[in-house]
């Protein structure tokens, strides 16, 4: 009796290979080769963004971040690539939270709310920033910002503003008043990660004035 041969698709084989390499911390030219092969085998840019985001939770963001940069190069000439938003894309106008922003922002959810940790790519047009706000929590909570495109600002109340660029990660403690946004002459995108906690809620405060912003 002949032995049954199990065959997986070339795209799935590429995904498994990429996952294994990133998990082992191998982010050299071999990873870029397999990212290119994955694209050739039919893995789309949006699918790769979701795959790498999922891997990041298990392999760690430092390894995944190197993969994001390589993937951005591999898919750079993709006809569907948007001019802003980085590798994850621009998303839709952030109308639901427009009242808490000066200028226009865009939102692209990367995970499904309620199913896992909430991640979303937030993009700011030049001059845009959110209001001062606080992520309240009884325990845990807060937010992480992972900068993926352009240049921006992050500032906590009573402290100097911190300049942000691609690859920077900001840990925002719970119960700390702060704001973040783009530099005046740039677009800026970051992934916002909601840190789980007890009794979490957001408090939106006053806008960042033009005087405060233009002094940076």
C-alpha atoms as a PDB file:
ATOM      1  CA  UNK A   1       0.000   0.000   0.000  1.00  0.00           C
ATOM      2  CA  UNK A   2       1.484   3.325  -1.046  1.00  0.00           C
ATOM      3  CA  UNK A   3       2.282   5.889   1.586  1.00  0.00           C
ATOM      4  CA  UNK A   4       0.202   9.065   1.417  1.00  0.00           C
ATOM      5  CA  UNK A   5       2.225  12.178   0.737  1.00  0.00           C
ATOM      6  CA  UNK A   6       1.032  15.353   2.429  1.00  0.00           C
ATOM      7  CA  UNK A   7       1.578  18.462   0.357  1.00  0.00           C
ATOM      8  CA  UNK A   8       1.305  22.040   1.638  1.00  0.00           C
ATOM      9  CA  UNK A   9       1.001  25.041  -0.635  1.00  0.00           C
ATOM     10  CA  UNK A  10       4.045  27.077  -1.562  1.00  0.00           C
ATOM     11  CA  UNK A  11       2.598  30.144   0.183  1.00  0.00           C
ATOM     12  CA  UNK A  12       2.022  28.215   3.424  1.00  0.00           C
ATOM     13  CA  UNK A  13       5.536  26.766   3.191  1.00  0.00           C
ATOM     14  CA  UNK A  14       6.904  30.324   2.931  1.00  0.00           C
ATOM     15  CA  UNK A  15       4.858  31.451   5.937  1.00  0.00           C
ATOM     16  CA  UNK A  16       6.121  28.542   8.044  1.00  0.00           C
ATOM     17  CA  UNK A  17       9.733  29.268   7.026  1.00  0.00           C
ATOM     18  CA  UNK A  18       9.431  32.977   7.851  1.00  0.00           C
ATOM     19  CA  UNK A  19       7.858  32.179  11.218  1.00  0.00           C
ATOM     20  CA  UNK A  20      10.670  29.766  12.075  1.00  0.00           C
ATOM     21  CA  UNK A  21      13.411  32.231  11.087  1.00  0.00           C
ATOM     22  CA  UNK A  22      11.957  35.148  13.061  1.00  0.00           C
ATOM     23  CA  UNK A  23      11.296  32.935  16.093  1.00  0.00           C
ATOM     24  CA  UNK A  24      14.970  31.918  16.118  1.00  0.00           C
ATOM     25  CA  UNK A  25      16.101  35.529  15.766  1.00  0.00           C
ATOM     26  CA  UNK A  26      17.417  35.031  12.224  1.00  0.00           C
ATOM     27  CA  UNK A  27      16.786  38.385  10.559  1.00  0.00           C
ATOM     28  CA  UNK A  28      19.594  38.473   8.023  1.00  0.00           C
ATOM     29  CA  UNK A  29      19.566  38.228   4.215  1.00  0.00           C
ATOM     30  CA  UNK A  30      18.061  34.739   4.371  1.00  0.00           C
ATOM     31  CA  UNK A  31      14.887  36.192   5.901  1.00  0.00           C
ATOM     32  CA  UNK A  32      14.669  38.812   3.168  1.00  0.00           C
ATOM     33  CA  UNK A  33      15.049  36.041   0.581  1.00  0.00           C
ATOM     34  CA  UNK A  34      12.151  34.091   2.055  1.00  0.00           C
ATOM     35  CA  UNK A  35      10.015  37.240   2.332  1.00  0.00           C
ATOM     36  CA  UNK A  36      10.610  37.783  -1.392  1.00  0.00           C
ATOM     37  CA  UNK A  37       9.777  34.135  -2.063  1.00  0.00           C
ATOM     38  CA  UNK A  38       6.576  34.501  -0.052  1.00  0.00           C
ATOM     39  CA  UNK A  39       5.538  37.423  -2.205  1.00  0.00           C
ATOM     40  CA  UNK A  40       6.308  35.425  -5.348  1.00  0.00           C
ATOM     41  CA  UNK A  41       4.240  32.568  -3.911  1.00  0.00           C
ATOM     42  CA  UNK A  42       1.200  34.802  -3.537  1.00  0.00           C
ATOM     43  CA  UNK A  43       1.367  36.174   0.014  1.00  0.00           C
ATOM     44  CA  UNK A  44      -0.003  39.703  -0.270  1.00  0.00           C
ATOM     45  CA  UNK A  45       1.286  42.805   1.502  1.00  0.00           C
ATOM     46  CA  UNK A  46      -1.757  43.007   3.790  1.00  0.00           C
ATOM     47  CA  UNK A  47      -1.491  39.303   4.625  1.00  0.00           C
ATOM     48  CA  UNK A  48       2.206  39.664   5.445  1.00  0.00           C
ATOM     49  CA  UNK A  49       1.461  42.626   7.742  1.00  0.00           C
ATOM     50  CA  UNK A  50      -1.025  40.494   9.694  1.00  0.00           C
ATOM     51  CA  UNK A  51       1.345  37.517   9.798  1.00  0.00           C
ATOM     52  CA  UNK A  52       4.269  39.565  11.159  1.00  0.00           C
ATOM     53  CA  UNK A  53       2.045  41.292  13.722  1.00  0.00           C
ATOM     54  CA  UNK A  54       0.864  37.904  15.006  1.00  0.00           C
ATOM     55  CA  UNK A  55       4.434  36.546  15.111  1.00  0.00           C
ATOM     56  CA  UNK A  56       5.513  39.590  17.136  1.00  0.00           C
ATOM     57  CA  UNK A  57       3.385  38.506  20.094  1.00  0.00           C
ATOM     58  CA  UNK A  58       5.299  35.225  20.360  1.00  0.00           C
ATOM     59  CA  UNK A  59       8.754  35.962  18.924  1.00  0.00           C
ATOM     60  CA  UNK A  60       9.052  39.436  20.440  1.00  0.00           C
ATOM     61  CA  UNK A  61       8.834  42.859  18.858  1.00  0.00           C
ATOM     62  CA  UNK A  62      12.608  43.353  18.329  1.00  0.00           C
ATOM     63  CA  UNK A  63      12.798  40.358  15.980  1.00  0.00           C
ATOM     64  CA  UNK A  64       9.503  41.195  14.308  1.00  0.00           C
ATOM     65  CA  UNK A  65      10.534  44.817  13.826  1.00  0.00           C
ATOM     66  CA  UNK A  66      13.539  43.776  11.755  1.00  0.00           C
ATOM     67  CA  UNK A  67      11.180  41.663   9.653  1.00  0.00           C
ATOM     68  CA  UNK A  68       8.793  44.601   9.163  1.00  0.00           C
ATOM     69  CA  UNK A  69      11.612  46.703   7.745  1.00  0.00           C
ATOM     70  CA  UNK A  70      12.656  43.973   5.324  1.00  0.00           C
ATOM     71  CA  UNK A  71       9.060  43.336   4.284  1.00  0.00           C
ATOM     72  CA  UNK A  72       8.580  47.035   3.570  1.00  0.00           C
ATOM     73  CA  UNK A  73      11.519  46.854   1.149  1.00  0.00           C
ATOM     74  CA  UNK A  74      10.273  43.637  -0.447  1.00  0.00           C
ATOM     75  CA  UNK A  75       6.784  45.051  -1.070  1.00  0.00           C
ATOM     76  CA  UNK A  76       7.969  48.591  -1.874  1.00  0.00           C
ATOM     77  CA  UNK A  77       6.880  48.465  -5.525  1.00  0.00           C
ATOM     78  CA  UNK A  78       3.502  46.921  -4.755  1.00  0.00           C
ATOM     79  CA  UNK A  79       0.920  48.830  -6.803  1.00  0.00           C
ATOM     80  CA  UNK A  80      -1.406  48.857  -3.798  1.00  0.00           C
ATOM     81  CA  UNK A  81       1.103  50.562  -1.501  1.00  0.00           C
ATOM     82  CA  UNK A  82      -0.227  53.771   0.012  1.00  0.00           C
ATOM     83  CA  UNK A  83       1.992  56.829   0.320  1.00  0.00           C
ATOM     84  CA  UNK A  84       1.368  57.145   4.079  1.00  0.00           C
ATOM     85  CA  UNK A  85       0.802  54.801   6.987  1.00  0.00           C
ATOM     86  CA  UNK A  86       3.967  52.747   6.648  1.00  0.00           C
ATOM     87  CA  UNK A  87       3.863  49.016   5.970  1.00  0.00           C
ATOM     88  CA  UNK A  88       0.397  48.689   7.522  1.00  0.00           C
ATOM     89  CA  UNK A  89      -1.317  51.279   5.331  1.00  0.00           C
ATOM     90  CA  UNK A  90      -3.269  54.451   5.975  1.00  0.00           C
ATOM     91  CA  UNK A  91      -6.622  53.048   7.049  1.00  0.00           C
ATOM     92  CA  UNK A  92      -9.797  55.118   7.248  1.00  0.00           C
ATOM     93  CA  UNK A  93     -10.403  58.654   8.575  1.00  0.00           C
ATOM     94  CA  UNK A  94     -10.525  58.482  12.365  1.00  0.00           C
ATOM     95  CA  UNK A  95     -13.935  60.163  12.514  1.00  0.00           C
ATOM     96  CA  UNK A  96     -15.048  58.495  15.748  1.00  0.00           C
ATOM     97  CA  UNK A  97     -12.275  60.277  17.672  1.00  0.00           C
ATOM     98  CA  UNK A  98     -11.978  63.429  15.552  1.00  0.00           C
ATOM     99  CA  UNK A  99     -13.222  65.581  18.433  1.00  0.00           C
ATOM    100  CA  UNK A 100     -10.105  64.625  20.408  1.00  0.00           C
ATOM    101  CA  UNK A 101      -7.624  65.586  17.669  1.00  0.00           C
ATOM    102  CA  UNK A 102      -6.310  68.817  16.182  1.00  0.00           C
ATOM    103  CA  UNK A 103      -5.987  68.053  12.477  1.00  0.00           C
ATOM    104  CA  UNK A 104      -6.842  64.842  10.631  1.00  0.00           C
ATOM    105  CA  UNK A 105      -5.871  61.341  11.746  1.00  0.00           C
ATOM    106  CA  UNK A 106      -6.464  57.916  10.231  1.00  0.00           C
ATOM    107  CA  UNK A 107      -7.038  54.559  11.910  1.00  0.00           C
ATOM    108  CA  UNK A 108      -6.317  51.007  10.748  1.00  0.00           C
ATOM    109  CA  UNK A 109      -7.150  48.295  13.333  1.00  0.00           C
ATOM    110  CA  UNK A 110      -4.698  45.380  13.205  1.00  0.00           C
ATOM    111  CA  UNK A 111      -6.512  43.077  15.627  1.00  0.00           C
ATOM    112  CA  UNK A 112     -10.175  42.419  16.418  1.00  0.00           C
ATOM    113  CA  UNK A 113     -11.315  44.217  19.594  1.00  0.00           C
ATOM    114  CA  UNK A 114     -12.353  41.791  22.294  1.00  0.00           C
ATOM    115  CA  UNK A 115     -10.529  38.811  20.778  1.00  0.00           C
ATOM    116  CA  UNK A 116      -6.961  39.712  21.781  1.00  0.00           C
ATOM    117  CA  UNK A 117      -4.815  42.703  22.728  1.00  0.00           C
ATOM    118  CA  UNK A 118      -5.978  45.733  20.745  1.00  0.00           C
ATOM    119  CA  UNK A 119      -3.467  47.017  18.174  1.00  0.00           C
ATOM    120  CA  UNK A 120      -4.181  49.780  15.687  1.00  0.00           C
ATOM    121  CA  UNK A 121      -2.049  51.774  13.274  1.00  0.00           C
ATOM    122  CA  UNK A 122      -2.708  55.487  13.788  1.00  0.00           C
ATOM    123  CA  UNK A 123      -1.546  57.965  11.134  1.00  0.00           C
ATOM    124  CA  UNK A 124      -1.304  61.744  11.634  1.00  0.00           C
ATOM    125  CA  UNK A 125      -1.232  64.304   8.819  1.00  0.00           C
ATOM    126  CA  UNK A 126       1.278  67.192   9.209  1.00  0.00           C
ATOM    127  CA  UNK A 127       0.418  69.302  12.250  1.00  0.00           C
ATOM    128  CA  UNK A 128      -2.005  66.769  13.722  1.00  0.00           C
ATOM    129  CA  UNK A 129      -1.902  65.763  17.387  1.00  0.00           C
ATOM    130  CA  UNK A 130      -4.314  64.328  19.910  1.00  0.00           C
ATOM    131  CA  UNK A 131      -5.510  66.140  23.029  1.00  0.00           C
ATOM    132  CA  UNK A 132      -3.847  65.731  26.371  1.00  0.00           C
ATOM    133  CA  UNK A 133      -5.294  62.527  27.790  1.00  0.00           C
ATOM    134  CA  UNK A 134      -4.912  59.917  30.533  1.00  0.00           C
ATOM    135  CA  UNK A 135      -5.186  56.121  30.396  1.00  0.00           C
ATOM    136  CA  UNK A 136      -6.646  55.454  33.812  1.00  0.00           C
ATOM    137  CA  UNK A 137      -6.319  52.009  35.425  1.00  0.00           C
ATOM    138  CA  UNK A 138      -6.601  50.578  38.930  1.00  0.00           C
ATOM    139  CA  UNK A 139      -3.750  48.208  38.049  1.00  0.00           C
ATOM    140  CA  UNK A 140      -1.897  47.420  34.836  1.00  0.00           C
ATOM    141  CA  UNK A 141      -3.123  49.442  31.897  1.00  0.00           C
ATOM    142  CA  UNK A 142      -1.387  52.179  29.977  1.00  0.00           C
ATOM    143  CA  UNK A 143      -0.339  52.052  26.329  1.00  0.00           C
ATOM    144  CA  UNK A 144       2.597  51.246  24.058  1.00  0.00           C
ATOM    145  CA  UNK A 145       3.445  53.207  20.926  1.00  0.00           C
ATOM    146  CA  UNK A 146       5.537  51.533  18.210  1.00  0.00           C
ATOM    147  CA  UNK A 147       6.636  54.079  15.613  1.00  0.00           C
ATOM    148  CA  UNK A 148       6.442  52.747  12.069  1.00  0.00           C
ATOM    149  CA  UNK A 149       6.618  55.731   9.697  1.00  0.00           C
ATOM    150  CA  UNK A 150       7.609  59.402   9.678  1.00  0.00           C
ATOM    151  CA  UNK A 151       8.467  61.561  12.685  1.00  0.00           C
ATOM    152  CA  UNK A 152       6.444  62.655  15.685  1.00  0.00           C
ATOM    153  CA  UNK A 153       6.299  63.860  19.276  1.00  0.00           C
ATOM    154  CA  UNK A 154       5.382  62.347  22.634  1.00  0.00           C
ATOM    155  CA  UNK A 155       5.114  64.439  25.789  1.00  0.00           C
ATOM    156  CA  UNK A 156       4.133  63.774  29.393  1.00  0.00           C
ATOM    157  CA  UNK A 157       2.837  66.616  31.547  1.00  0.00           C
ATOM    158  CA  UNK A 158       5.685  68.497  33.220  1.00  0.00           C
ATOM    159  CA  UNK A 159       8.373  66.907  31.008  1.00  0.00           C
ATOM    160  CA  UNK A 160      10.081  67.931  27.734  1.00  0.00           C
ATOM    161  CA  UNK A 161       8.634  66.563  24.488  1.00  0.00           C
ATOM    162  CA  UNK A 162      10.346  63.440  23.130  1.00  0.00           C
ATOM    163  CA  UNK A 163      11.179  63.254  19.419  1.00  0.00           C
ATOM    164  CA  UNK A 164      10.020  60.030  17.750  1.00  0.00           C
ATOM    165  CA  UNK A 165      11.104  58.269  14.553  1.00  0.00           C
ATOM    166  CA  UNK A 166      10.807  54.848  12.946  1.00  0.00           C
ATOM    167  CA  UNK A 167      11.675  52.035  15.349  1.00  0.00           C
ATOM    168  CA  UNK A 168      11.129  53.984  18.568  1.00  0.00           C
ATOM    169  CA  UNK A 169       8.939  52.393  21.239  1.00  0.00           C
ATOM    170  CA  UNK A 170       7.209  54.467  23.931  1.00  0.00           C
ATOM    171  CA  UNK A 171       5.873  52.927  27.141  1.00  0.00           C
ATOM    172  CA  UNK A 172       3.074  55.125  28.489  1.00  0.00           C
ATOM    173  CA  UNK A 173       2.290  54.426  32.151  1.00  0.00           C
ATOM    174  CA  UNK A 174      -1.277  54.345  33.373  1.00  0.00           C
ATOM    175  CA  UNK A 175      -2.620  57.494  35.048  1.00  0.00           C
ATOM    176  CA  UNK A 176      -0.094  59.833  33.371  1.00  0.00           C
ATOM    177  CA  UNK A 177      -1.328  62.858  31.415  1.00  0.00           C
ATOM    178  CA  UNK A 178       0.273  63.038  27.965  1.00  0.00           C
ATOM    179  CA  UNK A 179      -0.211  63.630  24.239  1.00  0.00           C
ATOM    180  CA  UNK A 180       1.345  62.415  20.993  1.00  0.00           C
ATOM    181  CA  UNK A 181       1.281  63.506  17.378  1.00  0.00           C
ATOM    182  CA  UNK A 182       3.238  64.350  14.266  1.00  0.00           C
ATOM    183  CA  UNK A 183       5.959  66.901  13.642  1.00  0.00           C
ATOM    184  CA  UNK A 184       4.783  69.962  11.740  1.00  0.00           C
ATOM    185  CA  UNK A 185       6.539  69.089   8.461  1.00  0.00           C
ATOM    186  CA  UNK A 186       6.016  65.310   8.369  1.00  0.00           C
ATOM    187  CA  UNK A 187       3.457  62.527   8.336  1.00  0.00           C
ATOM    188  CA  UNK A 188       3.672  60.091  11.238  1.00  0.00           C
ATOM    189  CA  UNK A 189       2.326  56.616  12.021  1.00  0.00           C
ATOM    190  CA  UNK A 190       2.524  54.519  15.148  1.00  0.00           C
ATOM    191  CA  UNK A 191       0.972  51.287  16.310  1.00  0.00           C
ATOM    192  CA  UNK A 192      -1.006  51.871  19.493  1.00  0.00           C
ATOM    193  CA  UNK A 193      -1.099  48.871  21.832  1.00  0.00           C
ATOM    194  CA  UNK A 194      -3.660  48.930  24.628  1.00  0.00           C
ATOM    195  CA  UNK A 195      -2.090  47.309  27.705  1.00  0.00           C
ATOM    196  CA  UNK A 196      -4.598  45.141  29.606  1.00  0.00           C
ATOM    197  CA  UNK A 197      -5.456  46.203  33.142  1.00  0.00           C
ATOM    198  CA  UNK A 198      -8.169  46.536  35.741  1.00  0.00           C
ATOM    199  CA  UNK A 199     -10.845  49.249  35.482  1.00  0.00           C
ATOM    200  CA  UNK A 200      -9.260  50.827  32.390  1.00  0.00           C
ATOM    201  CA  UNK A 201     -10.762  53.971  30.906  1.00  0.00           C
ATOM    202  CA  UNK A 202      -9.551  56.963  28.924  1.00  0.00           C
ATOM    203  CA  UNK A 203      -9.981  60.573  30.004  1.00  0.00           C
ATOM    204  CA  UNK A 204      -9.689  63.150  27.217  1.00  0.00           C
ATOM    205  CA  UNK A 205      -8.532  66.594  28.323  1.00  0.00           C
ATOM    206  CA  UNK A 206      -7.778  69.945  26.673  1.00  0.00           C
ATOM    207  CA  UNK A 207      -6.185  70.255  23.210  1.00  0.00           C
ATOM    208  CA  UNK A 208      -2.467  70.908  22.776  1.00  0.00           C
ATOM    209  CA  UNK A 209      -2.441  74.633  21.943  1.00  0.00           C
ATOM    210  CA  UNK A 210      -0.785  76.040  18.840  1.00  0.00           C
ATOM    211  CA  UNK A 211       1.587  77.929  21.131  1.00  0.00           C
ATOM    212  CA  UNK A 212       2.701  74.721  22.884  1.00  0.00           C
ATOM    213  CA  UNK A 213       2.994  72.817  19.613  1.00  0.00           C
ATOM    214  CA  UNK A 214       4.792  75.484  17.602  1.00  0.00           C
ATOM    215  CA  UNK A 215       7.373  75.919  20.390  1.00  0.00           C
ATOM    216  CA  UNK A 216       8.689  72.369  19.806  1.00  0.00           C
END
